[in-house]
Amino acid sequence: MTEPAPSLLYGLGVFVVSAVIIAGLFAFGWDYILFPAFAGFMVVGPVLPSAFTRRAGGLRPTSRSVSRA
């Protein structure tokens, strides 16, 4: 990896968005939704990087190609 900055910025962005969402859940008193949200992310989360990777490689991701990854 010759340029780690884009990956680090992406990771930092995901962290910030996650922290804001969690803080918002606690602020609105919806903290009971936290564990179901984590479970949903564990199902959907692995699919997202494969779509981004295919997009960065110049390929247009389709639902079929992402689900096979």
PDB file of N, CA and C in Angstrom:
ATOM      1  N   MET A   1       0.860  -1.167   0.000  1.00  0.00           N
ATOM      2  CA  MET A   1       0.000   0.000   0.000  1.00  0.00           C
ATOM      3  C   MET A   1       0.906   1.231   0.000  1.00  0.00           C
ATOM      4  N   THR A   2       0.863   1.987  -1.066  1.00  0.00           N
ATOM      5  CA  THR A   2       1.750   3.136  -1.170  1.00  0.00           C
ATOM      6  C   THR A   2       1.143   4.404  -0.599  1.00  0.00           C
ATOM      7  N   GLU A   3      -0.161   4.521  -0.636  1.00  0.00           N
ATOM      8  CA  GLU A   3      -0.831   5.716  -0.107  1.00  0.00           C
ATOM      9  C   GLU A   3      -1.931   5.302   0.867  1.00  0.00           C
ATOM     10  N   PRO A   4      -1.633   5.290   2.152  1.00  0.00           N
ATOM     11  CA  PRO A   4      -2.631   4.852   3.122  1.00  0.00           C
ATOM     12  C   PRO A   4      -3.674   5.919   3.465  1.00  0.00           C
ATOM     13  N   ALA A   5      -3.476   7.151   3.023  1.00  0.00           N
ATOM     14  CA  ALA A   5      -4.380   8.239   3.417  1.00  0.00           C
ATOM     15  C   ALA A   5      -5.838   7.982   3.037  1.00  0.00           C
ATOM     16  N   PRO A   6      -6.149   7.544   1.808  1.00  0.00           N
ATOM     17  CA  PRO A   6      -7.573   7.327   1.492  1.00  0.00           C
ATOM     18  C   PRO A   6      -8.233   6.275   2.389  1.00  0.00           C
ATOM     19  N   SER A   7      -7.504   5.191   2.672  1.00  0.00           N
ATOM     20  CA  SER A   7      -8.075   4.157   3.540  1.00  0.00           C
ATOM     21  C   SER A   7      -8.268   4.668   4.961  1.00  0.00           C
ATOM     22  N   LEU A   8      -7.297   5.418   5.444  1.00  0.00           N
ATOM     23  CA  LEU A   8      -7.419   5.970   6.791  1.00  0.00           C
ATOM     24  C   LEU A   8      -8.559   6.977   6.881  1.00  0.00           C
ATOM     25  N   LEU A   9      -8.707   7.802   5.876  1.00  0.00           N
ATOM     26  CA  LEU A   9      -9.815   8.767   5.874  1.00  0.00           C
ATOM     27  C   LEU A   9     -11.167   8.066   5.787  1.00  0.00           C
ATOM     28  N   TYR A  10     -11.235   7.016   4.981  1.00  0.00           N
ATOM     29  CA  TYR A  10     -12.483   6.249   4.878  1.00  0.00           C
ATOM     30  C   TYR A  10     -12.824   5.623   6.229  1.00  0.00           C
ATOM     31  N   GLY A  11     -11.839   5.003   6.874  1.00  0.00           N
ATOM     32  CA  GLY A  11     -12.062   4.403   8.183  1.00  0.00           C
ATOM     33  C   GLY A  11     -12.465   5.432   9.225  1.00  0.00           C
ATOM     34  N   LEU A  12     -11.817   6.588   9.187  1.00  0.00           N
ATOM     35  CA  LEU A  12     -12.173   7.662  10.117  1.00  0.00           C
ATOM     36  C   LEU A  12     -13.597   8.143   9.858  1.00  0.00           C
ATOM     37  N   GLY A  13     -13.968   8.256   8.594  1.00  0.00           N
ATOM     38  CA  GLY A  13     -15.329   8.683   8.249  1.00  0.00           C
ATOM     39  C   GLY A  13     -16.377   7.695   8.740  1.00  0.00           C
ATOM     40  N   VAL A  14     -16.107   6.397   8.570  1.00  0.00           N
ATOM     41  CA  VAL A  14     -17.043   5.372   9.052  1.00  0.00           C
ATOM     42  C   VAL A  14     -17.158   5.435  10.571  1.00  0.00           C
ATOM     43  N   PHE A  15     -16.025   5.647  11.239  1.00  0.00           N
ATOM     44  CA  PHE A  15     -16.044   5.758  12.700  1.00  0.00           C
ATOM     45  C   PHE A  15     -16.881   6.961  13.149  1.00  0.00           C
ATOM     46  N   VAL A  16     -16.682   8.109  12.510  1.00  0.00           N
ATOM     47  CA  VAL A  16     -17.407   9.324  12.899  1.00  0.00           C
ATOM     48  C   VAL A  16     -18.906   9.154  12.679  1.00  0.00           C
ATOM     49  N   VAL A  17     -19.278   8.596  11.530  1.00  0.00           N
ATOM     50  CA  VAL A  17     -20.705   8.383  11.252  1.00  0.00           C
ATOM     51  C   VAL A  17     -21.297   7.422  12.278  1.00  0.00           C
ATOM     52  N   SER A  18     -20.574   6.359  12.605  1.00  0.00           N
ATOM     53  CA  SER A  18     -21.060   5.401  13.604  1.00  0.00           C
ATOM     54  C   SER A  18     -21.219   6.054  14.974  1.00  0.00           C
ATOM     55  N   ALA A  19     -20.237   6.844  15.364  1.00  0.00           N
ATOM     56  CA  ALA A  19     -20.304   7.516  16.664  1.00  0.00           C
ATOM     57  C   ALA A  19     -21.479   8.487  16.726  1.00  0.00           C
ATOM     58  N   VAL A  20     -21.730   9.198  15.642  1.00  0.00           N
ATOM     59  CA  VAL A  20     -22.858  10.136  15.601  1.00  0.00           C
ATOM     60  C   VAL A  20     -24.187   9.385  15.696  1.00  0.00           C
ATOM     61  N   ILE A  21     -24.287   8.276  14.993  1.00  0.00           N
ATOM     62  CA  ILE A  21     -25.528   7.495  15.042  1.00  0.00           C
ATOM     63  C   ILE A  21     -25.762   6.956  16.448  1.00  0.00           C
ATOM     64  N   ILE A  22     -24.723   6.416  17.081  1.00  0.00           N
ATOM     65  CA  ILE A  22     -24.866   5.878  18.430  1.00  0.00           C
ATOM     66  C   ILE A  22     -25.215   6.987  19.418  1.00  0.00           C
ATOM     67  N   ALA A  23     -24.545   8.126  19.301  1.00  0.00           N
ATOM     68  CA  ALA A  23     -24.862   9.253  20.181  1.00  0.00           C
ATOM     69  C   ALA A  23     -26.303   9.715  19.969  1.00  0.00           C
ATOM     70  N   GLY A  24     -26.759   9.727  18.731  1.00  0.00           N
ATOM     71  CA  GLY A  24     -28.137  10.112  18.444  1.00  0.00           C
ATOM     72  C   GLY A  24     -29.138   9.139  19.040  1.00  0.00           C
ATOM     73  N   LEU A  25     -28.829   7.844  18.975  1.00  0.00           N
ATOM     74  CA  LEU A  25     -29.720   6.852  19.581  1.00  0.00           C
ATOM     75  C   LEU A  25     -29.843   7.071  21.087  1.00  0.00           C
ATOM     76  N   PHE A  26     -28.721   7.344  21.738  1.00  0.00           N
ATOM     77  CA  PHE A  26     -28.782   7.606  23.175  1.00  0.00           C
ATOM     78  C   PHE A  26     -29.474   8.927  23.476  1.00  0.00           C
ATOM     79  N   ALA A  27     -29.251   9.949  22.651  1.00  0.00           N
ATOM     80  CA  ALA A  27     -29.852  11.259  22.894  1.00  0.00           C
ATOM     81  C   ALA A  27     -31.377  11.216  22.779  1.00  0.00           C
ATOM     82  N   PHE A  28     -31.892  10.398  21.861  1.00  0.00           N
ATOM     83  CA  PHE A  28     -33.337  10.304  21.676  1.00  0.00           C
ATOM     84  C   PHE A  28     -33.972   9.200  22.515  1.00  0.00           C
ATOM     85  N   GLY A  29     -33.147   8.525  23.325  1.00  0.00           N
ATOM     86  CA  GLY A  29     -33.679   7.475  24.179  1.00  0.00           C
ATOM     87  C   GLY A  29     -33.985   6.194  23.438  1.00  0.00           C
ATOM     88  N   TRP A  30     -33.368   5.979  22.298  1.00  0.00           N
ATOM     89  CA  TRP A  30     -33.601   4.780  21.492  1.00  0.00           C
ATOM     90  C   TRP A  30     -32.459   3.796  21.640  1.00  0.00           C
ATOM     91  N   ASP A  31     -31.809   3.788  22.780  1.00  0.00           N
ATOM     92  CA  ASP A  31     -30.655   2.914  22.961  1.00  0.00           C
ATOM     93  C   ASP A  31     -31.024   1.435  22.892  1.00  0.00           C
ATOM     94  N   TYR A  32     -32.284   1.082  23.070  1.00  0.00           N
ATOM     95  CA  TYR A  32     -32.712  -0.311  22.971  1.00  0.00           C
ATOM     96  C   TYR A  32     -32.631  -0.829  21.536  1.00  0.00           C
ATOM     97  N   ILE A  33     -32.491   0.053  20.557  1.00  0.00           N
ATOM     98  CA  ILE A  33     -32.378  -0.354  19.153  1.00  0.00           C
ATOM     99  C   ILE A  33     -30.927  -0.681  18.792  1.00  0.00           C
ATOM    100  N   LEU A  34     -30.008  -0.405  19.683  1.00  0.00           N
ATOM    101  CA  LEU A  34     -28.584  -0.552  19.385  1.00  0.00           C
ATOM    102  C   LEU A  34     -28.198  -1.979  19.013  1.00  0.00           C
ATOM    103  N   PHE A  35     -28.595  -2.976  19.780  1.00  0.00           N
ATOM    104  CA  PHE A  35     -28.203  -4.349  19.483  1.00  0.00           C
ATOM    105  C   PHE A  35     -28.846  -4.881  18.200  1.00  0.00           C
ATOM    106  N   PRO A  36     -30.134  -4.630  17.922  1.00  0.00           N
ATOM    107  CA  PRO A  36     -30.662  -5.038  16.618  1.00  0.00           C
ATOM    108  C   PRO A  36     -29.960  -4.324  15.446  1.00  0.00           C
ATOM    109  N   ALA A  37     -29.557  -3.074  15.654  1.00  0.00           N
ATOM    110  CA  ALA A  37     -28.829  -2.369  14.591  1.00  0.00           C
ATOM    111  C   ALA A  37     -27.471  -3.011  14.353  1.00  0.00           C
ATOM    112  N   PHE A  38     -26.786  -3.410  15.419  1.00  0.00           N
ATOM    113  CA  PHE A  38     -25.510  -4.112  15.260  1.00  0.00           C
ATOM    114  C   PHE A  38     -25.704  -5.420  14.499  1.00  0.00           C
ATOM    115  N   ALA A  39     -26.755  -6.155  14.830  1.00  0.00           N
ATOM    116  CA  ALA A  39     -27.015  -7.425  14.156  1.00  0.00           C
ATOM    117  C   ALA A  39     -27.295  -7.201  12.668  1.00  0.00           C
ATOM    118  N   GLY A  40     -28.056  -6.171  12.358  1.00  0.00           N
ATOM    119  CA  GLY A  40     -28.325  -5.860  10.959  1.00  0.00           C
ATOM    120  C   GLY A  40     -27.072  -5.468  10.209  1.00  0.00           C
ATOM    121  N   PHE A  41     -26.201  -4.725  10.866  1.00  0.00           N
ATOM    122  CA  PHE A  41     -24.959  -4.332  10.214  1.00  0.00           C
ATOM    123  C   PHE A  41     -24.063  -5.538   9.969  1.00  0.00           C
ATOM    124  N   MET A  42     -24.089  -6.512  10.868  1.00  0.00           N
ATOM    125  CA  MET A  42     -23.255  -7.697  10.678  1.00  0.00           C
ATOM    126  C   MET A  42     -23.731  -8.523   9.493  1.00  0.00           C
ATOM    127  N   VAL A  43     -24.990  -8.375   9.108  1.00  0.00           N
ATOM    128  CA  VAL A  43     -25.501  -9.064   7.924  1.00  0.00           C
ATOM    129  C   VAL A  43     -25.184  -8.268   6.664  1.00  0.00           C
ATOM    130  N   VAL A  44     -25.410  -6.961   6.702  1.00  0.00           N
ATOM    131  CA  VAL A  44     -25.251  -6.112   5.513  1.00  0.00           C
ATOM    132  C   VAL A  44     -23.822  -5.611   5.347  1.00  0.00           C
ATOM    133  N   GLY A  45     -23.109  -5.432   6.441  1.00  0.00           N
ATOM    134  CA  GLY A  45     -21.774  -4.846   6.413  1.00  0.00           C
ATOM    135  C   GLY A  45     -20.781  -5.501   5.474  1.00  0.00           C
ATOM    136  N   PRO A  46     -20.670  -6.819   5.435  1.00  0.00           N
ATOM    137  CA  PRO A  46     -19.682  -7.435   4.540  1.00  0.00           C
ATOM    138  C   PRO A  46     -19.965  -7.230   3.056  1.00  0.00           C
ATOM    139  N   VAL A  47     -21.191  -6.931   2.695  1.00  0.00           N
ATOM    140  CA  VAL A  47     -21.536  -6.734   1.287  1.00  0.00           C
ATOM    141  C   VAL A  47     -21.053  -5.367   0.797  1.00  0.00           C
ATOM    142  N   LEU A  48     -21.055  -4.367   1.658  1.00  0.00           N
ATOM    143  CA  LEU A  48     -20.702  -3.011   1.239  1.00  0.00           C
ATOM    144  C   LEU A  48     -19.269  -2.872   0.724  1.00  0.00           C
ATOM    145  N   PRO A  49     -18.256  -3.413   1.398  1.00  0.00           N
ATOM    146  CA  PRO A  49     -16.895  -3.248   0.864  1.00  0.00           C
ATOM    147  C   PRO A  49     -16.698  -3.876  -0.508  1.00  0.00           C
ATOM    148  N   SER A  50     -17.366  -4.992  -0.762  1.00  0.00           N
ATOM    149  CA  SER A  50     -17.204  -5.615  -2.078  1.00  0.00           C
ATOM    150  C   SER A  50     -17.792  -4.729  -3.169  1.00  0.00           C
ATOM    151  N   ALA A  51     -18.875  -4.038  -2.859  1.00  0.00           N
ATOM    152  CA  ALA A  51     -19.445  -3.114  -3.849  1.00  0.00           C
ATOM    153  C   ALA A  51     -18.514  -1.932  -4.076  1.00  0.00           C
ATOM    154  N   PHE A  52     -17.926  -1.402  -3.003  1.00  0.00           N
ATOM    155  CA  PHE A  52     -17.012  -0.270  -3.154  1.00  0.00           C
ATOM    156  C   PHE A  52     -15.745  -0.674  -3.891  1.00  0.00           C
ATOM    157  N   THR A  53     -15.245  -1.878  -3.628  1.00  0.00           N
ATOM    158  CA  THR A  53     -14.038  -2.351  -4.291  1.00  0.00           C
ATOM    159  C   THR A  53     -14.278  -2.528  -5.780  1.00  0.00           C
ATOM    160  N   ARG A  54     -15.403  -3.092  -6.146  1.00  0.00           N
ATOM    161  CA  ARG A  54     -15.713  -3.263  -7.567  1.00  0.00           C
ATOM    162  C   ARG A  54     -15.875  -1.904  -8.247  1.00  0.00           C
ATOM    163  N   ARG A  55     -16.455  -0.964  -7.552  1.00  0.00           N
ATOM    164  CA  ARG A  55     -16.649   0.373  -8.108  1.00  0.00           C
ATOM    165  C   ARG A  55     -15.298   1.063  -8.314  1.00  0.00           C
ATOM    166  N   ALA A  56     -14.390   0.920  -7.360  1.00  0.00           N
ATOM    167  CA  ALA A  56     -13.081   1.545  -7.459  1.00  0.00           C
ATOM    168  C   ALA A  56     -12.254   0.914  -8.571  1.00  0.00           C
ATOM    169  N   GLY A  57     -12.496  -0.352  -8.870  1.00  0.00           N
ATOM    170  CA  GLY A  57     -11.771  -1.038  -9.928  1.00  0.00           C
ATOM    171  C   GLY A  57     -12.297  -0.719 -11.314  1.00  0.00           C
ATOM    172  N   GLY A  58     -13.251   0.179 -11.404  1.00  0.00           N
ATOM    173  CA  GLY A  58     -13.803   0.562 -12.696  1.00  0.00           C
ATOM    174  C   GLY A  58     -14.965  -0.296 -13.143  1.00  0.00           C
ATOM    175  N   LEU A  59     -15.372  -1.245 -12.311  1.00  0.00           N
ATOM    176  CA  LEU A  59     -16.502  -2.100 -12.654  1.00  0.00           C
ATOM    177  C   LEU A  59     -17.774  -1.516 -12.069  1.00  0.00           C
ATOM    178  N   ARG A  60     -18.843  -1.685 -12.771  1.00  0.00           N
ATOM    179  CA  ARG A  60     -20.130  -1.231 -12.252  1.00  0.00           C
ATOM    180  C   ARG A  60     -20.760  -2.396 -11.489  1.00  0.00           C
ATOM    181  N   PRO A  61     -20.891  -2.281 -10.160  1.00  0.00           N
ATOM    182  CA  PRO A  61     -21.417  -3.402  -9.392  1.00  0.00           C
ATOM    183  C   PRO A  61     -22.905  -3.601  -9.643  1.00  0.00           C
ATOM    184  N   THR A  62     -23.290  -4.855  -9.748  1.00  0.00           N
ATOM    185  CA  THR A  62     -24.700  -5.221  -9.834  1.00  0.00           C
ATOM    186  C   THR A  62     -25.056  -6.010  -8.585  1.00  0.00           C
ATOM    187  N   SER A  63     -26.316  -6.152  -8.302  1.00  0.00           N
ATOM    188  CA  SER A  63     -26.716  -6.890  -7.106  1.00  0.00           C
ATOM    189  C   SER A  63     -26.258  -8.340  -7.195  1.00  0.00           C
ATOM    190  N   ARG A  64     -26.235  -8.883  -8.387  1.00  0.00           N
ATOM    191  CA  ARG A  64     -25.809 -10.271  -8.560  1.00  0.00           C
ATOM    192  C   ARG A  64     -24.304 -10.401  -8.286  1.00  0.00           C
ATOM    193  N   SER A  65     -23.497  -9.487  -8.825  1.00  0.00           N
ATOM    194  CA  SER A  65     -22.043  -9.604  -8.620  1.00  0.00           C
ATOM    195  C   SER A  65     -21.658  -9.326  -7.170  1.00  0.00           C
ATOM    196  N   VAL A  66     -22.374  -8.443  -6.505  1.00  0.00           N
ATOM    197  CA  VAL A  66     -22.066  -8.150  -5.106  1.00  0.00           C
ATOM    198  C   VAL A  66     -22.469  -9.319  -4.218  1.00  0.00           C
ATOM    199  N   SER A  67     -23.585  -9.960  -4.504  1.00  0.00           N
ATOM    200  CA  SER A  67     -24.026 -11.060  -3.671  1.00  0.00           C
ATOM    201  C   SER A  67     -23.144 -12.288  -3.839  1.00  0.00           C
ATOM    202  N   ARG A  68     -22.447 -12.414  -4.962  1.00  0.00           N
ATOM    203  CA  ARG A  68     -21.537 -13.544  -5.165  1.00  0.00           C
ATOM    204  C   ARG A  68     -20.173 -13.303  -4.534  1.00  0.00           C
ATOM    205  N   ALA A  69     -19.851 -12.086  -4.176  1.00  0.00           N
ATOM    206  CA  ALA A  69     -18.517 -11.775  -3.656  1.00  0.00           C
ATOM    207  C   ALA A  69     -18.298 -12.302  -2.269  1.00  0.00           C
TER     208      ALA A  69
END
